[in-house]
């Protein structure tokens, strides 16, 4: 939920789901099948009204008003993908002395978000989540469920902090002003 609850991801989801006009013809063709299935379950649907609403879906559906459901649904899909459909490894990252982990208003970030196929789909998900100034976690697909611990280098913490800084929407939090200034 931490990954999908933020303003940045909300805006991203609205953008992804806002091209309803491309799919309206296909959706309109499916209305009759949905109506038939609903009748079998004793649910009445006005097919003509549904077809009319699907034609103007962009006008009839305000995605911002459905975002609570969309966020919960997306979080459930991610949880299922990680915990049921795939094996999951959890790596606990320990910060060295010196620079600390920072966080932002997008606290969970896919470190592989820029690696995409020809259609623009993300190829892999490696979720990074700083829990405190000294501990962060990585969640990723693995061959079996495992837990690792890793003491990371100063260079790696700077790289992760840079990623958080670059992917924050409006706010970044650090334990010192110096850490923030070093990222600017």
C-alpha atoms as a PDB file:
ATOM      1  CA  UNK A   1       0.000   0.000   0.000  1.00  0.00           C
ATOM      2  CA  UNK A   2       2.933   2.335   0.695  1.00  0.00           C
ATOM      3  CA  UNK A   3       3.911   2.021  -2.972  1.00  0.00           C
ATOM      4  CA  UNK A   4       0.511   2.907  -4.478  1.00  0.00           C
ATOM      5  CA  UNK A   5      -0.899   5.389  -1.937  1.00  0.00           C
ATOM      6  CA  UNK A   6       1.185   8.388  -2.978  1.00  0.00           C
ATOM      7  CA  UNK A   7       0.283  11.338  -5.179  1.00  0.00           C
ATOM      8  CA  UNK A   8       2.942  10.382  -7.724  1.00  0.00           C
ATOM      9  CA  UNK A   9       1.559   6.862  -8.235  1.00  0.00           C
ATOM     10  CA  UNK A  10      -2.029   8.163  -8.176  1.00  0.00           C
ATOM     11  CA  UNK A  11      -1.205  10.522 -11.038  1.00  0.00           C
ATOM     12  CA  UNK A  12       0.522   7.684 -12.856  1.00  0.00           C
ATOM     13  CA  UNK A  13      -2.491   5.357 -12.457  1.00  0.00           C
ATOM     14  CA  UNK A  14      -4.879   8.056 -13.682  1.00  0.00           C
ATOM     15  CA  UNK A  15      -2.689   8.538 -16.752  1.00  0.00           C
ATOM     16  CA  UNK A  16      -2.565   4.784 -17.461  1.00  0.00           C
ATOM     17  CA  UNK A  17      -6.303   4.292 -17.081  1.00  0.00           C
ATOM     18  CA  UNK A  18      -7.393   7.515 -18.793  1.00  0.00           C
ATOM     19  CA  UNK A  19      -7.385   6.200 -22.382  1.00  0.00           C
ATOM     20  CA  UNK A  20     -10.855   4.698 -22.131  1.00  0.00           C
ATOM     21  CA  UNK A  21     -11.886   5.994 -25.540  1.00  0.00           C
ATOM     22  CA  UNK A  22      -9.486   3.502 -27.177  1.00  0.00           C
ATOM     23  CA  UNK A  23     -11.277   0.619 -25.487  1.00  0.00           C
ATOM     24  CA  UNK A  24     -14.878   1.836 -25.534  1.00  0.00           C
ATOM     25  CA  UNK A  25     -15.849  -0.030 -28.742  1.00  0.00           C
ATOM     26  CA  UNK A  26     -14.454  -3.289 -27.373  1.00  0.00           C
ATOM     27  CA  UNK A  27     -16.141  -2.713 -24.022  1.00  0.00           C
ATOM     28  CA  UNK A  28     -19.452  -1.893 -25.712  1.00  0.00           C
ATOM     29  CA  UNK A  29     -19.319  -5.238 -27.570  1.00  0.00           C
ATOM     30  CA  UNK A  30     -18.860  -7.031 -24.239  1.00  0.00           C
ATOM     31  CA  UNK A  31     -21.900  -5.458 -22.550  1.00  0.00           C
ATOM     32  CA  UNK A  32     -24.314  -8.132 -23.845  1.00  0.00           C
ATOM     33  CA  UNK A  33     -22.127 -10.937 -22.485  1.00  0.00           C
ATOM     34  CA  UNK A  34     -21.906  -9.199 -19.107  1.00  0.00           C
ATOM     35  CA  UNK A  35     -25.683  -8.694 -19.055  1.00  0.00           C
ATOM     36  CA  UNK A  36     -26.259 -12.398 -19.782  1.00  0.00           C
ATOM     37  CA  UNK A  37     -23.858 -13.442 -17.034  1.00  0.00           C
ATOM     38  CA  UNK A  38     -25.513 -11.014 -14.619  1.00  0.00           C
ATOM     39  CA  UNK A  39     -28.981 -12.455 -15.415  1.00  0.00           C
ATOM     40  CA  UNK A  40     -27.741 -15.944 -14.484  1.00  0.00           C
ATOM     41  CA  UNK A  41     -26.840 -14.475 -11.098  1.00  0.00           C
ATOM     42  CA  UNK A  42     -30.186 -12.654 -10.788  1.00  0.00           C
ATOM     43  CA  UNK A  43     -28.640  -9.219 -11.324  1.00  0.00           C
ATOM     44  CA  UNK A  44     -30.543  -6.839 -13.573  1.00  0.00           C
ATOM     45  CA  UNK A  45     -28.544  -4.541 -15.854  1.00  0.00           C
ATOM     46  CA  UNK A  46     -29.990  -2.137 -18.408  1.00  0.00           C
ATOM     47  CA  UNK A  47     -27.930  -3.103 -21.489  1.00  0.00           C
ATOM     48  CA  UNK A  48     -28.814  -0.001 -23.511  1.00  0.00           C
ATOM     49  CA  UNK A  49     -27.924   2.343 -20.672  1.00  0.00           C
ATOM     50  CA  UNK A  50     -24.668   0.448 -20.054  1.00  0.00           C
ATOM     51  CA  UNK A  51     -23.725   0.687 -23.754  1.00  0.00           C
ATOM     52  CA  UNK A  52     -24.439   4.413 -23.742  1.00  0.00           C
ATOM     53  CA  UNK A  53     -22.343   4.923 -20.603  1.00  0.00           C
ATOM     54  CA  UNK A  54     -19.465   2.895 -22.049  1.00  0.00           C
ATOM     55  CA  UNK A  55     -19.519   5.049 -25.213  1.00  0.00           C
ATOM     56  CA  UNK A  56     -18.905   8.112 -23.052  1.00  0.00           C
ATOM     57  CA  UNK A  57     -16.778   6.438 -20.405  1.00  0.00           C
ATOM     58  CA  UNK A  58     -14.239   9.254 -20.278  1.00  0.00           C
ATOM     59  CA  UNK A  59     -17.097  11.663 -19.471  1.00  0.00           C
ATOM     60  CA  UNK A  60     -18.849   9.317 -17.022  1.00  0.00           C
ATOM     61  CA  UNK A  61     -15.902   8.107 -14.965  1.00  0.00           C
ATOM     62  CA  UNK A  62     -13.805  10.385 -12.803  1.00  0.00           C
ATOM     63  CA  UNK A  63     -10.715   8.356 -11.945  1.00  0.00           C
ATOM     64  CA  UNK A  64      -9.839  10.593  -9.006  1.00  0.00           C
ATOM     65  CA  UNK A  65     -13.150   9.580  -7.404  1.00  0.00           C
ATOM     66  CA  UNK A  66     -12.290   5.880  -7.757  1.00  0.00           C
ATOM     67  CA  UNK A  67      -8.681   6.192  -6.626  1.00  0.00           C
ATOM     68  CA  UNK A  68      -9.267   4.669  -3.183  1.00  0.00           C
ATOM     69  CA  UNK A  69     -10.527   1.479  -4.833  1.00  0.00           C
ATOM     70  CA  UNK A  70      -7.858   1.591  -7.541  1.00  0.00           C
ATOM     71  CA  UNK A  71      -5.073   1.955  -4.940  1.00  0.00           C
ATOM     72  CA  UNK A  72      -6.367  -0.943  -2.832  1.00  0.00           C
ATOM     73  CA  UNK A  73      -6.843  -3.094  -5.917  1.00  0.00           C
ATOM     74  CA  UNK A  74      -3.336  -2.284  -7.177  1.00  0.00           C
ATOM     75  CA  UNK A  75      -1.827  -2.990  -3.743  1.00  0.00           C
ATOM     76  CA  UNK A  76      -3.617  -6.363  -3.632  1.00  0.00           C
ATOM     77  CA  UNK A  77      -2.356  -7.245  -7.113  1.00  0.00           C
ATOM     78  CA  UNK A  78       1.211  -6.359  -6.135  1.00  0.00           C
ATOM     79  CA  UNK A  79       0.966  -8.345  -2.901  1.00  0.00           C
ATOM     80  CA  UNK A  80      -0.386 -11.355  -4.797  1.00  0.00           C
ATOM     81  CA  UNK A  81       2.328 -11.072  -7.453  1.00  0.00           C
ATOM     82  CA  UNK A  82       5.037 -10.994  -4.808  1.00  0.00           C
ATOM     83  CA  UNK A  83       3.771 -13.424  -2.219  1.00  0.00           C
ATOM     84  CA  UNK A  84       1.743 -16.030  -4.148  1.00  0.00           C
ATOM     85  CA  UNK A  85       2.534 -16.011  -7.858  1.00  0.00           C
ATOM     86  CA  UNK A  86       6.289 -15.635  -7.319  1.00  0.00           C
ATOM     87  CA  UNK A  87       8.831 -16.502  -4.695  1.00  0.00           C
ATOM     88  CA  UNK A  88       9.977 -13.470  -2.753  1.00  0.00           C
ATOM     89  CA  UNK A  89      13.263 -12.529  -1.173  1.00  0.00           C
ATOM     90  CA  UNK A  90      13.645  -9.833   1.428  1.00  0.00           C
ATOM     91  CA  UNK A  91      17.028  -8.186   1.856  1.00  0.00           C
ATOM     92  CA  UNK A  92      17.585  -6.100   4.965  1.00  0.00           C
ATOM     93  CA  UNK A  93      20.071  -3.338   4.152  1.00  0.00           C
ATOM     94  CA  UNK A  94      22.172  -1.837   6.937  1.00  0.00           C
ATOM     95  CA  UNK A  95      23.639   1.640   6.441  1.00  0.00           C
ATOM     96  CA  UNK A  96      27.306   2.182   7.183  1.00  0.00           C
ATOM     97  CA  UNK A  97      28.434   4.890   9.562  1.00  0.00           C
ATOM     98  CA  UNK A  98      28.234   8.243   7.854  1.00  0.00           C
ATOM     99  CA  UNK A  99      25.459   8.924   5.336  1.00  0.00           C
ATOM    100  CA  UNK A 100      22.033   7.651   6.330  1.00  0.00           C
ATOM    101  CA  UNK A 101      19.051   6.498   4.311  1.00  0.00           C
ATOM    102  CA  UNK A 102      16.722   9.268   3.234  1.00  0.00           C
ATOM    103  CA  UNK A 103      13.064   8.906   2.309  1.00  0.00           C
ATOM    104  CA  UNK A 104      10.454  10.953   0.522  1.00  0.00           C
ATOM    105  CA  UNK A 105       6.790  11.245  -0.252  1.00  0.00           C
ATOM    106  CA  UNK A 106       7.197   8.187  -2.511  1.00  0.00           C
ATOM    107  CA  UNK A 107       8.694   5.932   0.168  1.00  0.00           C
ATOM    108  CA  UNK A 108       8.645   2.692  -1.849  1.00  0.00           C
ATOM    109  CA  UNK A 109      10.362   2.779  -5.245  1.00  0.00           C
ATOM    110  CA  UNK A 110      10.900   0.192  -7.953  1.00  0.00           C
ATOM    111  CA  UNK A 111      14.636   0.332  -8.568  1.00  0.00           C
ATOM    112  CA  UNK A 112      14.091  -1.272 -12.001  1.00  0.00           C
ATOM    113  CA  UNK A 113      11.378   1.148 -13.159  1.00  0.00           C
ATOM    114  CA  UNK A 114      13.486   2.455 -16.044  1.00  0.00           C
ATOM    115  CA  UNK A 115      14.242  -0.981 -17.526  1.00  0.00           C
ATOM    116  CA  UNK A 116      11.441  -1.491 -20.055  1.00  0.00           C
ATOM    117  CA  UNK A 117      10.589  -3.568 -23.113  1.00  0.00           C
ATOM    118  CA  UNK A 118       9.682  -2.172 -26.552  1.00  0.00           C
ATOM    119  CA  UNK A 119       6.065  -1.553 -25.440  1.00  0.00           C
ATOM    120  CA  UNK A 120       7.192   0.427 -22.396  1.00  0.00           C
ATOM    121  CA  UNK A 121       6.351  -2.306 -19.850  1.00  0.00           C
ATOM    122  CA  UNK A 122       8.567  -2.578 -16.789  1.00  0.00           C
ATOM    123  CA  UNK A 123      10.630  -5.776 -17.064  1.00  0.00           C
ATOM    124  CA  UNK A 124      11.321  -6.375 -13.389  1.00  0.00           C
ATOM    125  CA  UNK A 125      10.204  -5.154  -9.973  1.00  0.00           C
ATOM    126  CA  UNK A 126      12.693  -4.616  -7.153  1.00  0.00           C
ATOM    127  CA  UNK A 127      11.015  -2.612  -4.428  1.00  0.00           C
ATOM    128  CA  UNK A 128      13.233  -0.474  -2.224  1.00  0.00           C
ATOM    129  CA  UNK A 129      11.830   0.840   1.060  1.00  0.00           C
ATOM    130  CA  UNK A 130      13.893   2.796   3.635  1.00  0.00           C
ATOM    131  CA  UNK A 131      12.418   1.975   7.054  1.00  0.00           C
ATOM    132  CA  UNK A 132      14.684   4.200   9.143  1.00  0.00           C
ATOM    133  CA  UNK A 133      17.868   6.185   8.712  1.00  0.00           C
ATOM    134  CA  UNK A 134      19.875   2.985   9.308  1.00  0.00           C
ATOM    135  CA  UNK A 135      17.731   0.185   7.819  1.00  0.00           C
ATOM    136  CA  UNK A 136      16.057  -0.313   4.447  1.00  0.00           C
ATOM    137  CA  UNK A 137      14.614  -3.346   2.684  1.00  0.00           C
ATOM    138  CA  UNK A 138      14.602  -4.711  -0.836  1.00  0.00           C
ATOM    139  CA  UNK A 139      11.800  -6.997  -2.038  1.00  0.00           C
ATOM    140  CA  UNK A 140      12.331  -8.935  -5.244  1.00  0.00           C
ATOM    141  CA  UNK A 141      11.487 -12.100  -7.116  1.00  0.00           C
ATOM    142  CA  UNK A 142      13.746 -15.042  -6.255  1.00  0.00           C
ATOM    143  CA  UNK A 143      13.969 -18.802  -6.712  1.00  0.00           C
ATOM    144  CA  UNK A 144      12.595 -19.371  -3.207  1.00  0.00           C
ATOM    145  CA  UNK A 145      11.402 -17.368  -0.212  1.00  0.00           C
ATOM    146  CA  UNK A 146      14.541 -16.063   1.498  1.00  0.00           C
ATOM    147  CA  UNK A 147      15.724 -13.379   3.893  1.00  0.00           C
ATOM    148  CA  UNK A 148      19.157 -11.821   3.470  1.00  0.00           C
ATOM    149  CA  UNK A 149      21.071  -9.178   5.387  1.00  0.00           C
ATOM    150  CA  UNK A 150      23.574  -6.877   3.744  1.00  0.00           C
ATOM    151  CA  UNK A 151      25.876  -4.172   5.035  1.00  0.00           C
ATOM    152  CA  UNK A 152      26.034  -1.750   2.146  1.00  0.00           C
ATOM    153  CA  UNK A 153      28.821   0.584   1.096  1.00  0.00           C
ATOM    154  CA  UNK A 154      28.830   4.374   1.292  1.00  0.00           C
ATOM    155  CA  UNK A 155      28.696   4.428  -2.505  1.00  0.00           C
ATOM    156  CA  UNK A 156      25.580   2.227  -2.536  1.00  0.00           C
ATOM    157  CA  UNK A 157      23.777   4.351   0.073  1.00  0.00           C
ATOM    158  CA  UNK A 158      24.518   7.467  -1.977  1.00  0.00           C
ATOM    159  CA  UNK A 159      23.150   5.716  -5.069  1.00  0.00           C
ATOM    160  CA  UNK A 160      19.947   4.654  -3.256  1.00  0.00           C
ATOM    161  CA  UNK A 161      19.505   8.112  -1.722  1.00  0.00           C
ATOM    162  CA  UNK A 162      19.943   9.669  -5.156  1.00  0.00           C
ATOM    163  CA  UNK A 163      17.245   7.371  -6.503  1.00  0.00           C
ATOM    164  CA  UNK A 164      14.870   8.359  -3.680  1.00  0.00           C
ATOM    165  CA  UNK A 165      15.649  12.045  -4.242  1.00  0.00           C
ATOM    166  CA  UNK A 166      15.054  11.785  -8.008  1.00  0.00           C
ATOM    167  CA  UNK A 167      11.803   9.837  -7.585  1.00  0.00           C
ATOM    168  CA  UNK A 168      10.198  11.873  -4.824  1.00  0.00           C
ATOM    169  CA  UNK A 169       7.209  13.844  -5.987  1.00  0.00           C
ATOM    170  CA  UNK A 170       7.327  16.920  -3.754  1.00  0.00           C
ATOM    171  CA  UNK A 171       9.086  16.128  -0.454  1.00  0.00           C
ATOM    172  CA  UNK A 172      12.322  14.489   0.755  1.00  0.00           C
ATOM    173  CA  UNK A 173      13.272  13.721   4.371  1.00  0.00           C
ATOM    174  CA  UNK A 174      16.749  13.203   5.832  1.00  0.00           C
ATOM    175  CA  UNK A 175      18.348  13.167   9.251  1.00  0.00           C
ATOM    176  CA  UNK A 176      20.515  16.170   8.392  1.00  0.00           C
ATOM    177  CA  UNK A 177      20.548  19.181   6.115  1.00  0.00           C
ATOM    178  CA  UNK A 178      23.982  18.130   4.820  1.00  0.00           C
ATOM    179  CA  UNK A 179      22.573  14.880   3.425  1.00  0.00           C
ATOM    180  CA  UNK A 180      19.913  16.786   1.494  1.00  0.00           C
ATOM    181  CA  UNK A 181      22.364  19.378   0.193  1.00  0.00           C
ATOM    182  CA  UNK A 182      24.725  16.658  -1.033  1.00  0.00           C
ATOM    183  CA  UNK A 183      21.915  15.354  -3.277  1.00  0.00           C
ATOM    184  CA  UNK A 184      21.167  18.718  -4.875  1.00  0.00           C
END
